[in-house]
Protein backbone atom coordinates (compact mmCIF):
# COMPACT_ATOMS: atom_id res chain seq x y z
CA UNK A 1 64.51 -13.64 95.47
CA UNK A 2 60.50 -13.43 95.91
CA UNK A 3 59.32 -16.55 97.76
CA UNK A 4 56.81 -17.18 95.05
CA UNK A 5 60.06 -17.35 92.36
CA UNK A 6 60.49 -21.42 92.89
CA UNK A 7 56.90 -21.66 92.48
CA UNK A 8 56.63 -19.21 89.16
CA UNK A 9 59.45 -21.49 87.62
CA UNK A 10 58.17 -24.35 88.37
CA UNK A 11 55.08 -23.52 87.06
CA UNK A 12 56.82 -22.39 83.51
CA UNK A 13 59.13 -25.57 83.44
CA UNK A 14 55.67 -27.86 83.81
CA UNK A 15 54.05 -25.10 80.94
CA UNK A 16 57.17 -25.55 78.78
CA UNK A 17 56.69 -29.99 79.34
CA UNK A 18 52.76 -29.48 78.43
CA UNK A 19 53.53 -27.22 75.61
CA UNK A 20 56.29 -30.10 73.82
CA UNK A 21 53.93 -32.45 74.44
CA UNK A 22 51.08 -31.04 72.80
CA UNK A 23 53.73 -30.28 69.89
CA UNK A 24 54.27 -34.00 69.95
CA UNK A 25 50.97 -35.26 69.83
CA UNK A 26 50.33 -32.44 67.12
CA UNK A 27 52.96 -34.01 64.89
CA UNK A 28 52.34 -37.40 65.49
CA UNK A 29 48.63 -36.85 64.52
CA UNK A 30 50.01 -35.22 61.49
CA UNK A 31 52.62 -37.62 60.26
CA UNK A 32 49.25 -40.37 60.55
CA UNK A 33 47.59 -37.94 58.32
CA UNK A 34 49.63 -37.54 55.83
CA UNK A 35 50.37 -40.85 55.65
CA UNK A 36 47.15 -42.08 55.11
CA UNK A 37 46.42 -39.46 52.37
CA UNK A 38 49.65 -40.97 50.53
CA UNK A 39 48.31 -44.47 50.60
CA UNK A 40 44.64 -43.05 49.28
CA UNK A 41 45.91 -41.03 46.63
CA UNK A 42 48.89 -43.82 45.80
CA UNK A 43 45.93 -45.91 45.56
CA UNK A 44 43.44 -43.58 43.30
CA UNK A 45 45.14 -44.83 39.93
CA UNK A 46 48.76 -45.73 38.43
CA UNK A 47 49.06 -42.06 37.36
CA UNK A 48 48.35 -40.28 40.69
CA UNK A 49 50.80 -42.24 42.30
CA UNK A 50 53.80 -41.32 39.63
CA UNK A 51 52.69 -37.91 40.47
CA UNK A 52 52.68 -38.39 43.80
CA UNK A 53 56.30 -39.66 43.86
CA UNK A 54 57.43 -37.64 41.24
CA UNK A 55 55.96 -34.66 43.60
CA UNK A 56 57.62 -36.55 46.61
CA UNK A 57 60.68 -36.64 44.82
CA UNK A 58 60.77 -32.96 44.55
CA UNK A 59 60.65 -32.14 47.78
CA UNK A 60 63.79 -34.52 49.20
CA UNK A 61 65.94 -32.81 46.54
CA UNK A 62 64.46 -29.55 47.96
CA UNK A 63 65.36 -30.23 51.50
CA UNK A 64 68.83 -32.06 50.86
CA UNK A 65 69.26 -28.47 50.11
CA UNK A 66 69.30 -27.76 53.40
CA UNK A 67 72.01 -29.94 54.17
CA UNK A 68 70.79 -29.83 58.34
CA UNK A 69 70.15 -32.86 60.56
CA UNK A 70 66.68 -31.15 60.61
CA UNK A 71 66.28 -31.94 56.73
CA UNK A 72 67.90 -35.65 56.92
CA UNK A 73 65.17 -36.22 59.11
CA UNK A 74 62.53 -34.63 57.01
CA UNK A 75 63.25 -36.47 54.06
CA UNK A 76 64.15 -39.83 55.96
CA UNK A 77 60.43 -39.70 56.88
CA UNK A 78 59.17 -38.71 53.28
CA UNK A 79 61.13 -41.81 51.99
CA UNK A 80 59.70 -44.26 54.57
CA UNK A 81 56.05 -42.82 53.50
CA UNK A 82 57.11 -43.81 50.19
CA UNK A 83 58.55 -46.81 51.02
CA UNK A 84 54.91 -47.65 52.79
CA UNK A 85 52.50 -47.02 50.50
């Protein structure tokens, strides 16, 4: 095993951690923008709010068909957003 292997492994690990961190930041920013967009849309008019809630429920129904932990987490986020606005 060459001497550079532990160094290369360390660099790859640091790269993976940096990528995971960047993905989390992207997700947090996306969620924040989605919540702001939802609040804006819901405030436009009662009709826009009803339409948004209807589309959100369709997405919840679609996600529930997946029956995965990830889809359950997504459903929770959508419901949280609906309760927030």
